[in-house]
Amino acid sequence: MKIKGSPVSSRNRVLLALGGLVLLLLVPLPRPAEPDPIMENFRNLLHVPVFMAVTLLLRVLQRSISLRLRSIWICAGAAALLGVLSEILQALTGRTPSVGDLGADLAGILLACALMQRRGAPLLVIRRAMLLLAGGGMFALAAYPLVTEVSVFMAKREAFPVLMDRYALGNVWQEQGGTHLRVVGPKPRGLEVETAQGDHEGLRYVVPRGVDAGGYSGLVIETINECEAFELGVRIDVTTGKRKNAGVTVPRGKAVLKVGWTPETGDGELRRVVLFTGLDQPARRFRLVVVRLVRSQQE
C-alpha cells in the first residue's frame, strides 16, 4: 500500500518561507580585511540557535511528506547537509571553512533533536539526556573561542583602559580605571585612543588634527608593573611618512619613565604615538597610569 503525503497547507507554506529567511542567515558575507575576532566568534556561535530553528522547521515540514521519511534522524541528516552547504557557500565568498562552524551546526541539530524526543518511555528519556549532553558539549566547544577572545579583550582593557577626552577640562583625559593622558603645550590638543593589533599589542594615541612634530621631543610615562621587567616599545608617526622608534625598560613596581627622540625640521605634524608591549606580556599585571607628551623645554 502506497502512502501519499498530505498536500502542503498554507501554514506550511508560511513556515517554508520563514525557513528560507532563516537559511539566508547561513549565507556568509565576504570576510572583512581586518575581522574583529570577537565578532567573528560570536557570528560562529549564532549557528547554534539558527540550526536549532532550521532542524525544528524541517521537522514540521516532514509532516507533509511520506510517513517513511518522517524519521527524526532523516531530519537531522538534512539539517547537517545544510550545514555542509553553508560551509561550501562560505568558501565561495572568500571565507575559510571552519570546523568550529560545523561543530556549532551540530550542537544546534543535537539540541533540536533532544527537544523533539517524546516523553514517557524510559528509553526515550535516556536518548533525550544523551542528546542534551552531546549538544551541550558541542555548544561549549563552539563557545570556547568566544570566551577566550572576550577574556583577552578584558585583560587588555584592564591594562590599557579606554580614555575619554574632556575638552572642557583643559584637554585632560579624564581618569577611567586609574588611567589618564595629558597633552602638554601652549595649545594642547586631545589624543584619541585606538587598540594596536598584531605584534604591536597596546595602544595607539592618535592626534585628531595633528600638532607640530618638531615641538615635541618625548613622552613621560608612569607605570605600575607587577611582573618582571620588560621592554615597552614606542613608535612615533609623522605626516611625512617618517617613523621614530624608541623603547624603554619598564621595571617592577611603580616607575616614571622618559622616552625621548630628536625632533627634526620638516617632520610635518605628529599624527600617532604607538605604545606596545608585545604578545607575550601578561596584560593583567601591567598598567599605564599617565602618558604625557612633552616639549624639549619641559623635559
C-alpha atoms as a PDB file:
ATOM      1  CA  MET A   1       0.000   0.000   0.000  1.00  0.00           C
ATOM      2  CA  LYS A   2       1.452   3.326  -1.041  1.00  0.00           C
ATOM      3  CA  ILE A   3       1.029   6.171   1.398  1.00  0.00           C
ATOM      4  CA  LYS A   4       0.861   9.586  -0.142  1.00  0.00           C
ATOM      5  CA  GLY A   5       1.926  12.697   1.671  1.00  0.00           C
ATOM      6  CA  SER A   6      -0.658  15.265   2.555  1.00  0.00           C
ATOM      7  CA  PRO A   7      -0.777  18.441   0.452  1.00  0.00           C
ATOM      8  CA  VAL A   8       1.253  21.372   1.675  1.00  0.00           C
ATOM      9  CA  SER A   9      -1.032  23.554   3.769  1.00  0.00           C
ATOM     10  CA  SER A  10      -0.966  27.342   3.801  1.00  0.00           C
ATOM     11  CA  ARG A  11       0.578  27.215   7.275  1.00  0.00           C
ATOM     12  CA  ASN A  12       3.420  25.058   5.997  1.00  0.00           C
ATOM     13  CA  ARG A  13       3.918  27.431   3.082  1.00  0.00           C
ATOM     14  CA  VAL A  14       4.391  30.244   5.584  1.00  0.00           C
ATOM     15  CA  LEU A  15       6.804  28.091   7.571  1.00  0.00           C
ATOM     16  CA  LEU A  16       8.683  27.262   4.392  1.00  0.00           C
ATOM     17  CA  ALA A  17       9.000  30.969   3.588  1.00  0.00           C
ATOM     18  CA  LEU A  18      10.243  31.672   7.115  1.00  0.00           C
ATOM     19  CA  GLY A  19      12.679  28.820   6.725  1.00  0.00           C
ATOM     20  CA  GLY A  20      14.031  30.436   3.585  1.00  0.00           C
ATOM     21  CA  LEU A  21      14.627  33.648   5.504  1.00  0.00           C
ATOM     22  CA  VAL A  22      16.414  31.716   8.246  1.00  0.00           C
ATOM     23  CA  LEU A  23      18.604  29.984   5.682  1.00  0.00           C
ATOM     24  CA  LEU A  24      19.648  33.378   4.343  1.00  0.00           C
ATOM     25  CA  LEU A  25      21.411  33.871   7.675  1.00  0.00           C
ATOM     26  CA  LEU A  26      23.611  30.907   6.810  1.00  0.00           C
ATOM     27  CA  VAL A  27      24.957  32.572   3.664  1.00  0.00           C
ATOM     28  CA  PRO A  28      28.117  34.292   4.928  1.00  0.00           C
ATOM     29  CA  LEU A  29      29.204  37.712   3.763  1.00  0.00           C
ATOM     30  CA  PRO A  30      32.746  38.240   2.444  1.00  0.00           C
ATOM     31  CA  ARG A  31      35.307  38.339   5.217  1.00  0.00           C
ATOM     32  CA  PRO A  32      36.384  41.899   6.152  1.00  0.00           C
ATOM     33  CA  ALA A  33      40.003  42.902   5.602  1.00  0.00           C
ATOM     34  CA  GLU A  34      40.634  43.160   9.370  1.00  0.00           C
ATOM     35  CA  PRO A  35      37.993  40.992  11.067  1.00  0.00           C
ATOM     36  CA  ASP A  36      37.167  41.502  14.716  1.00  0.00           C
ATOM     37  CA  PRO A  37      37.960  38.175  16.458  1.00  0.00           C
ATOM     38  CA  ILE A  38      35.153  38.643  18.994  1.00  0.00           C
ATOM     39  CA  MET A  39      32.521  39.387  16.350  1.00  0.00           C
ATOM     40  CA  GLU A  40      33.761  36.524  14.163  1.00  0.00           C
ATOM     41  CA  ASN A  41      33.476  34.032  17.020  1.00  0.00           C
ATOM     42  CA  PHE A  42      30.096  35.450  18.040  1.00  0.00           C
ATOM     43  CA  ARG A  43      28.901  35.033  14.467  1.00  0.00           C
ATOM     44  CA  ASN A  44      30.062  31.403  14.515  1.00  0.00           C
ATOM     45  CA  LEU A  45      28.211  30.818  17.784  1.00  0.00           C
ATOM     46  CA  LEU A  46      24.991  32.093  16.181  1.00  0.00           C
ATOM     47  CA  HIS A  47      24.991  28.900  14.126  1.00  0.00           C
ATOM     48  CA  VAL A  48      23.716  27.051  17.214  1.00  0.00           C
ATOM     49  CA  PRO A  49      20.292  28.775  17.543  1.00  0.00           C
ATOM     50  CA  VAL A  50      19.982  29.096  13.757  1.00  0.00           C
ATOM     51  CA  PHE A  51      20.437  25.358  13.218  1.00  0.00           C
ATOM     52  CA  MET A  52      18.114  24.583  16.093  1.00  0.00           C
ATOM     53  CA  ALA A  53      15.456  26.619  14.273  1.00  0.00           C
ATOM     54  CA  VAL A  54      16.299  25.009  10.921  1.00  0.00           C
ATOM     55  CA  THR A  55      16.057  21.489  12.353  1.00  0.00           C
ATOM     56  CA  LEU A  56      12.732  22.170  14.072  1.00  0.00           C
ATOM     57  CA  LEU A  57      11.411  23.755  10.886  1.00  0.00           C
ATOM     58  CA  LEU A  58      12.432  20.735   8.827  1.00  0.00           C
ATOM     59  CA  ARG A  59      10.666  18.543  11.370  1.00  0.00           C
ATOM     60  CA  VAL A  60       7.430  20.489  10.871  1.00  0.00           C
ATOM     61  CA  LEU A  61       7.760  20.263   7.099  1.00  0.00           C
ATOM     62  CA  GLN A  62       8.235  16.491   7.370  1.00  0.00           C
ATOM     63  CA  ARG A  63       4.539  16.177   8.181  1.00  0.00           C
ATOM     64  CA  SER A  64       3.773  16.950   4.539  1.00  0.00           C
ATOM     65  CA  ILE A  65       5.750  14.002   3.125  1.00  0.00           C
ATOM     66  CA  SER A  66       5.534  10.226   3.200  1.00  0.00           C
ATOM     67  CA  LEU A  67       5.462   8.520   6.598  1.00  0.00           C
ATOM     68  CA  ARG A  68       8.558   6.547   5.645  1.00  0.00           C
ATOM     69  CA  LEU A  69      10.546   9.785   5.540  1.00  0.00           C
ATOM     70  CA  ARG A  70       9.387  11.199   8.860  1.00  0.00           C
ATOM     71  CA  SER A  71      12.248   9.887  10.993  1.00  0.00           C
ATOM     72  CA  ILE A  72      13.961  12.358  13.310  1.00  0.00           C
ATOM     73  CA  TRP A  73      17.322  11.153  12.049  1.00  0.00           C
ATOM     74  CA  ILE A  74      16.407  11.947   8.433  1.00  0.00           C
ATOM     75  CA  CYS A  75      15.529  15.443   9.617  1.00  0.00           C
ATOM     76  CA  ALA A  76      18.870  15.711  11.437  1.00  0.00           C
ATOM     77  CA  GLY A  77      20.724  14.447   8.363  1.00  0.00           C
ATOM     78  CA  ALA A  78      19.035  17.040   6.154  1.00  0.00           C
ATOM     79  CA  ALA A  79      19.999  19.789   8.610  1.00  0.00           C
ATOM     80  CA  ALA A  80      23.597  18.520   8.629  1.00  0.00           C
ATOM     81  CA  LEU A  81      23.668  18.666   4.817  1.00  0.00           C
ATOM     82  CA  LEU A  82      22.532  22.283   5.050  1.00  0.00           C
ATOM     83  CA  GLY A  83      25.449  22.898   7.400  1.00  0.00           C
ATOM     84  CA  VAL A  84      27.885  21.458   4.854  1.00  0.00           C
ATOM     85  CA  LEU A  85      26.233  23.572   2.148  1.00  0.00           C
ATOM     86  CA  SER A  86      26.708  26.635   4.340  1.00  0.00           C
ATOM     87  CA  GLU A  87      30.447  25.915   4.593  1.00  0.00           C
ATOM     88  CA  ILE A  88      30.672  25.475   0.808  1.00  0.00           C
ATOM     89  CA  LEU A  89      28.978  28.842   0.330  1.00  0.00           C
ATOM     90  CA  GLN A  90      31.394  30.254   2.883  1.00  0.00           C
ATOM     91  CA  ALA A  91      34.341  29.077   0.801  1.00  0.00           C
ATOM     92  CA  LEU A  92      32.824  30.637  -2.328  1.00  0.00           C
ATOM     93  CA  THR A  93      32.545  34.037  -0.621  1.00  0.00           C
ATOM     94  CA  GLY A  94      36.207  34.088   0.375  1.00  0.00           C
ATOM     95  CA  ARG A  95      35.931  32.882   3.957  1.00  0.00           C
ATOM     96  CA  THR A  96      37.843  29.865   5.178  1.00  0.00           C
ATOM     97  CA  PRO A  97      35.540  26.936   6.052  1.00  0.00           C
ATOM     98  CA  SER A  98      35.715  26.282   9.773  1.00  0.00           C
ATOM     99  CA  VAL A  99      35.447  23.069  11.751  1.00  0.00           C
ATOM    100  CA  GLY A 100      34.159  25.234  14.588  1.00  0.00           C
ATOM    101  CA  ASP A 101      31.234  26.316  12.416  1.00  0.00           C
ATOM    102  CA  LEU A 102      30.313  22.698  11.737  1.00  0.00           C
ATOM    103  CA  GLY A 103      30.599  21.977  15.455  1.00  0.00           C
ATOM    104  CA  ALA A 104      28.176  24.808  16.205  1.00  0.00           C
ATOM    105  CA  ASP A 105      25.830  23.489  13.497  1.00  0.00           C
ATOM    106  CA  LEU A 106      25.957  20.022  15.030  1.00  0.00           C
ATOM    107  CA  ALA A 107      25.304  21.441  18.506  1.00  0.00           C
ATOM    108  CA  GLY A 108      22.133  23.142  17.274  1.00  0.00           C
ATOM    109  CA  ILE A 109      20.971  19.973  15.500  1.00  0.00           C
ATOM    110  CA  LEU A 110      21.550  17.765  18.554  1.00  0.00           C
ATOM    111  CA  LEU A 111      19.764  20.183  20.883  1.00  0.00           C
ATOM    112  CA  ALA A 112      16.815  20.369  18.480  1.00  0.00           C
ATOM    113  CA  CYS A 113      16.658  16.560  18.304  1.00  0.00           C
ATOM    114  CA  ALA A 114      16.598  16.446  22.106  1.00  0.00           C
ATOM    115  CA  LEU A 115      13.604  18.805  22.124  1.00  0.00           C
ATOM    116  CA  MET A 116      11.816  16.611  19.583  1.00  0.00           C
ATOM    117  CA  GLN A 117      12.067  13.454  21.710  1.00  0.00           C
ATOM    118  CA  ARG A 118       8.701  12.384  23.085  1.00  0.00           C
ATOM    119  CA  ARG A 119       8.349  11.892  26.817  1.00  0.00           C
ATOM    120  CA  GLY A 120       7.218   8.750  28.518  1.00  0.00           C
ATOM    121  CA  ALA A 121       9.268   5.673  27.690  1.00  0.00           C
ATOM    122  CA  PRO A 122      12.489   5.272  29.727  1.00  0.00           C
ATOM    123  CA  LEU A 123      14.472   4.654  26.528  1.00  0.00           C
ATOM    124  CA  LEU A 124      13.326   7.990  25.104  1.00  0.00           C
ATOM    125  CA  VAL A 125      14.259   9.757  28.343  1.00  0.00           C
ATOM    126  CA  ILE A 126      17.747   8.265  28.161  1.00  0.00           C
ATOM    127  CA  ARG A 127      18.033   9.220  24.492  1.00  0.00           C
ATOM    128  CA  ARG A 128      16.955  12.788  25.280  1.00  0.00           C
ATOM    129  CA  ALA A 129      19.540  13.044  28.057  1.00  0.00           C
ATOM    130  CA  MET A 130      22.293  11.754  25.762  1.00  0.00           C
ATOM    131  CA  LEU A 131      21.335  14.215  23.029  1.00  0.00           C
ATOM    132  CA  LEU A 132      21.253  17.098  25.516  1.00  0.00           C
ATOM    133  CA  LEU A 133      24.656  16.091  26.866  1.00  0.00           C
ATOM    134  CA  ALA A 134      26.179  15.797  23.400  1.00  0.00           C
ATOM    135  CA  GLY A 135      24.588  19.037  22.198  1.00  0.00           C
ATOM    136  CA  GLY A 136      25.668  20.893  25.330  1.00  0.00           C
ATOM    137  CA  GLY A 137      29.218  19.622  24.913  1.00  0.00           C
ATOM    138  CA  MET A 138      29.350  20.749  21.299  1.00  0.00           C
ATOM    139  CA  PHE A 139      27.907  24.123  22.322  1.00  0.00           C
ATOM    140  CA  ALA A 140      30.633  24.515  24.966  1.00  0.00           C
ATOM    141  CA  LEU A 141      33.315  23.733  22.365  1.00  0.00           C
ATOM    142  CA  ALA A 142      31.774  26.255  19.974  1.00  0.00           C
ATOM    143  CA  ALA A 143      31.618  28.920  22.704  1.00  0.00           C
ATOM    144  CA  TYR A 144      35.194  28.375  23.956  1.00  0.00           C
ATOM    145  CA  PRO A 145      36.909  30.576  21.297  1.00  0.00           C
ATOM    146  CA  LEU A 146      34.484  33.420  22.027  1.00  0.00           C
ATOM    147  CA  VAL A 147      35.052  33.145  25.787  1.00  0.00           C
ATOM    148  CA  THR A 148      38.814  33.151  25.194  1.00  0.00           C
ATOM    149  CA  GLU A 149      38.693  36.256  22.984  1.00  0.00           C
ATOM    150  CA  VAL A 150      36.475  38.114  25.468  1.00  0.00           C
ATOM    151  CA  SER A 151      38.822  37.275  28.360  1.00  0.00           C
ATOM    152  CA  VAL A 152      41.808  38.503  26.340  1.00  0.00           C
ATOM    153  CA  PHE A 153      39.919  41.702  25.479  1.00  0.00           C
ATOM    154  CA  MET A 154      39.070  42.321  29.140  1.00  0.00           C
ATOM    155  CA  ALA A 155      42.710  41.772  30.090  1.00  0.00           C
ATOM    156  CA  LYS A 156      43.805  44.359  27.521  1.00  0.00           C
ATOM    157  CA  ARG A 157      41.099  46.744  28.687  1.00  0.00           C
ATOM    158  CA  GLU A 158      42.372  46.473  32.262  1.00  0.00           C
ATOM    159  CA  ALA A 159      45.939  47.180  31.187  1.00  0.00           C
ATOM    160  CA  PHE A 160      45.057  49.849  28.640  1.00  0.00           C
ATOM    161  CA  PRO A 161      41.746  51.456  29.658  1.00  0.00           C
ATOM    162  CA  VAL A 162      39.751  53.413  27.122  1.00  0.00           C
ATOM    163  CA  LEU A 163      40.455  57.085  27.724  1.00  0.00           C
ATOM    164  CA  MET A 164      37.781  59.769  27.425  1.00  0.00           C
ATOM    165  CA  ASP A 165      38.555  63.234  26.073  1.00  0.00           C
ATOM    166  CA  ARG A 166      37.099  66.180  28.014  1.00  0.00           C
ATOM    167  CA  TYR A 167      37.840  69.451  26.183  1.00  0.00           C
ATOM    168  CA  ALA A 168      36.001  71.424  28.884  1.00  0.00           C
ATOM    169  CA  LEU A 169      38.610  70.311  31.434  1.00  0.00           C
ATOM    170  CA  GLY A 170      41.701  71.555  29.626  1.00  0.00           C
ATOM    171  CA  ASN A 171      42.124  68.521  27.367  1.00  0.00           C
ATOM    172  CA  VAL A 172      42.870  66.266  30.290  1.00  0.00           C
ATOM    173  CA  TRP A 173      41.877  62.710  29.572  1.00  0.00           C
ATOM    174  CA  GLN A 174      39.606  62.010  32.489  1.00  0.00           C
ATOM    175  CA  GLU A 175      40.569  59.228  34.808  1.00  0.00           C
ATOM    176  CA  GLN A 176      38.945  55.930  33.944  1.00  0.00           C
ATOM    177  CA  GLY A 177      40.206  52.824  35.663  1.00  0.00           C
ATOM    178  CA  GLY A 178      43.179  54.662  37.115  1.00  0.00           C
ATOM    179  CA  THR A 179      44.494  55.962  33.789  1.00  0.00           C
ATOM    180  CA  HIS A 180      44.577  59.380  32.125  1.00  0.00           C
ATOM    181  CA  LEU A 181      46.593  61.186  29.490  1.00  0.00           C
ATOM    182  CA  ARG A 182      47.516  64.853  29.160  1.00  0.00           C
ATOM    183  CA  VAL A 183      48.917  66.715  26.153  1.00  0.00           C
ATOM    184  CA  VAL A 184      51.263  69.475  27.328  1.00  0.00           C
ATOM    185  CA  GLY A 185      51.869  72.605  25.277  1.00  0.00           C
ATOM    186  CA  PRO A 186      50.665  76.161  24.638  1.00  0.00           C
ATOM    187  CA  LYS A 187      47.727  74.806  22.624  1.00  0.00           C
ATOM    188  CA  PRO A 188      47.099  71.337  23.987  1.00  0.00           C
ATOM    189  CA  ARG A 189      45.053  69.005  21.866  1.00  0.00           C
ATOM    190  CA  GLY A 190      43.413  65.751  22.813  1.00  0.00           C
ATOM    191  CA  LEU A 191      44.545  62.373  21.596  1.00  0.00           C
ATOM    192  CA  GLU A 192      42.121  59.666  20.506  1.00  0.00           C
ATOM    193  CA  VAL A 193      42.794  56.103  21.605  1.00  0.00           C
ATOM    194  CA  GLU A 194      42.767  53.013  19.428  1.00  0.00           C
ATOM    195  CA  THR A 195      43.886  49.448  20.068  1.00  0.00           C
ATOM    196  CA  ALA A 196      47.018  48.270  18.288  1.00  0.00           C
ATOM    197  CA  GLN A 197      46.642  44.707  16.987  1.00  0.00           C
ATOM    198  CA  GLY A 198      49.054  42.009  15.898  1.00  0.00           C
ATOM    199  CA  ASP A 199      52.647  42.223  17.119  1.00  0.00           C
ATOM    200  CA  HIS A 200      52.051  45.745  18.466  1.00  0.00           C
ATOM    201  CA  GLU A 201      49.717  44.919  21.350  1.00  0.00           C
ATOM    202  CA  GLY A 202      48.909  48.063  23.248  1.00  0.00           C
ATOM    203  CA  LEU A 203      47.533  51.485  22.417  1.00  0.00           C
ATOM    204  CA  ARG A 204      47.752  53.953  19.575  1.00  0.00           C
ATOM    205  CA  TYR A 205      47.328  57.575  20.630  1.00  0.00           C
ATOM    206  CA  VAL A 206      46.042  59.346  17.522  1.00  0.00           C
ATOM    207  CA  VAL A 207      46.263  63.133  17.190  1.00  0.00           C
ATOM    208  CA  PRO A 208      42.942  64.123  15.550  1.00  0.00           C
ATOM    209  CA  ARG A 209      44.134  67.332  13.889  1.00  0.00           C
ATOM    210  CA  GLY A 210      47.859  66.923  14.222  1.00  0.00           C
ATOM    211  CA  VAL A 211      50.423  69.008  16.100  1.00  0.00           C
ATOM    212  CA  ASP A 212      53.851  70.293  15.142  1.00  0.00           C
ATOM    213  CA  ALA A 213      56.081  67.234  15.368  1.00  0.00           C
ATOM    214  CA  GLY A 214      59.136  69.402  15.891  1.00  0.00           C
ATOM    215  CA  GLY A 215      57.641  70.836  19.036  1.00  0.00           C
ATOM    216  CA  TYR A 216      57.528  67.521  20.880  1.00  0.00           C
ATOM    217  CA  SER A 217      60.579  65.572  21.882  1.00  0.00           C
ATOM    218  CA  GLY A 218      59.439  62.902  24.271  1.00  0.00           C
ATOM    219  CA  LEU A 219      56.954  61.133  26.474  1.00  0.00           C
ATOM    220  CA  VAL A 220      56.643  60.853  30.224  1.00  0.00           C
ATOM    221  CA  ILE A 221      55.114  57.512  31.172  1.00  0.00           C
ATOM    222  CA  GLU A 222      54.092  56.460  34.659  1.00  0.00           C
ATOM    223  CA  THR A 223      53.590  52.726  35.058  1.00  0.00           C
ATOM    224  CA  ILE A 224      52.706  50.086  37.622  1.00  0.00           C
ATOM    225  CA  ASN A 225      54.257  46.734  36.786  1.00  0.00           C
ATOM    226  CA  GLU A 226      53.594  43.681  38.962  1.00  0.00           C
ATOM    227  CA  CYS A 227      55.577  41.265  36.797  1.00  0.00           C
ATOM    228  CA  GLU A 228      59.183  41.051  35.681  1.00  0.00           C
ATOM    229  CA  ALA A 229      60.852  43.949  33.869  1.00  0.00           C
ATOM    230  CA  PHE A 230      60.153  44.125  30.143  1.00  0.00           C
ATOM    231  CA  GLU A 231      60.733  46.384  27.155  1.00  0.00           C
ATOM    232  CA  LEU A 232      57.978  48.856  26.253  1.00  0.00           C
ATOM    233  CA  GLY A 233      58.136  49.847  22.609  1.00  0.00           C
ATOM    234  CA  VAL A 234      57.349  53.372  21.423  1.00  0.00           C
ATOM    235  CA  ARG A 235      56.731  54.409  17.825  1.00  0.00           C
ATOM    236  CA  ILE A 236      56.140  57.976  16.636  1.00  0.00           C
ATOM    237  CA  ASP A 237      54.455  58.533  13.246  1.00  0.00           C
ATOM    238  CA  VAL A 238      54.535  61.886  11.448  1.00  0.00           C
ATOM    239  CA  THR A 239      52.723  63.115   8.342  1.00  0.00           C
ATOM    240  CA  THR A 240      55.824  62.965   6.136  1.00  0.00           C
ATOM    241  CA  GLY A 241      55.867  59.194   6.498  1.00  0.00           C
ATOM    242  CA  LYS A 242      58.803  59.088   8.895  1.00  0.00           C
ATOM    243  CA  ARG A 243      58.741  56.864  11.954  1.00  0.00           C
ATOM    244  CA  LYS A 244      60.766  57.362  15.093  1.00  0.00           C
ATOM    245  CA  ASN A 245      61.251  54.202  17.113  1.00  0.00           C
ATOM    246  CA  ALA A 246      62.293  54.104  20.727  1.00  0.00           C
ATOM    247  CA  GLY A 247      61.967  51.854  23.723  1.00  0.00           C
ATOM    248  CA  VAL A 248      62.269  51.860  27.465  1.00  0.00           C
ATOM    249  CA  THR A 249      62.643  49.159  30.092  1.00  0.00           C
ATOM    250  CA  VAL A 250      59.703  49.042  32.483  1.00  0.00           C
ATOM    251  CA  PRO A 251      60.955  47.937  35.922  1.00  0.00           C
ATOM    252  CA  ARG A 252      58.961  46.077  38.511  1.00  0.00           C
ATOM    253  CA  GLY A 253      56.763  48.263  40.725  1.00  0.00           C
ATOM    254  CA  LYS A 254      55.904  51.933  40.183  1.00  0.00           C
ATOM    255  CA  ALA A 255      58.078  53.968  37.846  1.00  0.00           C
ATOM    256  CA  VAL A 256      58.219  57.278  35.972  1.00  0.00           C
ATOM    257  CA  LEU A 257      59.894  56.760  32.601  1.00  0.00           C
ATOM    258  CA  LYS A 258      61.079  59.236  29.978  1.00  0.00           C
ATOM    259  CA  VAL A 259      61.230  58.333  26.312  1.00  0.00           C
ATOM    260  CA  GLY A 260      62.904  60.925  24.117  1.00  0.00           C
ATOM    261  CA  TRP A 261      63.593  61.427  20.439  1.00  0.00           C
ATOM    262  CA  THR A 262      65.309  64.113  18.412  1.00  0.00           C
ATOM    263  CA  PRO A 263      62.826  66.422  16.677  1.00  0.00           C
ATOM    264  CA  GLU A 264      63.793  67.263  13.103  1.00  0.00           C
ATOM    265  CA  THR A 265      62.707  70.096  10.845  1.00  0.00           C
ATOM    266  CA  GLY A 266      60.439  69.007   8.043  1.00  0.00           C
ATOM    267  CA  ASP A 267      58.808  66.263  10.061  1.00  0.00           C
ATOM    268  CA  GLY A 268      55.423  67.846   9.497  1.00  0.00           C
ATOM    269  CA  GLU A 269      52.764  67.042  12.054  1.00  0.00           C
ATOM    270  CA  LEU A 270      52.740  64.447  14.779  1.00  0.00           C
ATOM    271  CA  ARG A 271      49.910  62.051  13.966  1.00  0.00           C
ATOM    272  CA  ARG A 272      50.266  58.942  16.052  1.00  0.00           C
ATOM    273  CA  VAL A 273      52.061  57.603  19.116  1.00  0.00           C
ATOM    274  CA  VAL A 274      52.098  53.811  19.479  1.00  0.00           C
ATOM    275  CA  LEU A 275      52.910  52.090  22.759  1.00  0.00           C
ATOM    276  CA  PHE A 276      53.181  48.321  22.580  1.00  0.00           C
ATOM    277  CA  THR A 277      54.197  45.558  24.963  1.00  0.00           C
ATOM    278  CA  GLY A 278      54.318  42.612  22.570  1.00  0.00           C
ATOM    279  CA  LEU A 279      52.203  39.490  22.524  1.00  0.00           C
ATOM    280  CA  ASP A 280      53.912  37.748  25.455  1.00  0.00           C
ATOM    281  CA  GLN A 281      53.341  40.466  28.040  1.00  0.00           C
ATOM    282  CA  PRO A 282      50.775  39.452  30.714  1.00  0.00           C
ATOM    283  CA  ALA A 283      48.394  42.395  30.398  1.00  0.00           C
ATOM    284  CA  ARG A 284      46.652  41.996  33.743  1.00  0.00           C
ATOM    285  CA  ARG A 285      49.874  42.635  35.638  1.00  0.00           C
ATOM    286  CA  PHE A 286      50.865  45.883  33.940  1.00  0.00           C
ATOM    287  CA  ARG A 287      49.026  49.162  33.561  1.00  0.00           C
ATOM    288  CA  LEU A 288      49.717  52.660  32.342  1.00  0.00           C
ATOM    289  CA  VAL A 289      48.946  55.354  34.895  1.00  0.00           C
ATOM    290  CA  VAL A 290      49.913  58.529  32.996  1.00  0.00           C
ATOM    291  CA  VAL A 291      51.116  59.106  29.439  1.00  0.00           C
ATOM    292  CA  ARG A 292      52.151  62.682  28.676  1.00  0.00           C
ATOM    293  CA  LEU A 293      53.635  64.315  25.573  1.00  0.00           C
ATOM    294  CA  VAL A 294      56.302  66.888  26.457  1.00  0.00           C
ATOM    295  CA  ARG A 295      58.243  69.570  24.635  1.00  0.00           C
ATOM    296  CA  SER A 296      62.021  69.904  24.851  1.00  0.00           C
ATOM    297  CA  GLN A 297      61.906  72.773  27.350  1.00  0.00           C
ATOM    298  CA  GLN A 298      59.628  70.793  29.654  1.00  0.00           C
ATOM    299  CA  GLU A 299      61.740  67.634  29.991  1.00  0.00           C
END
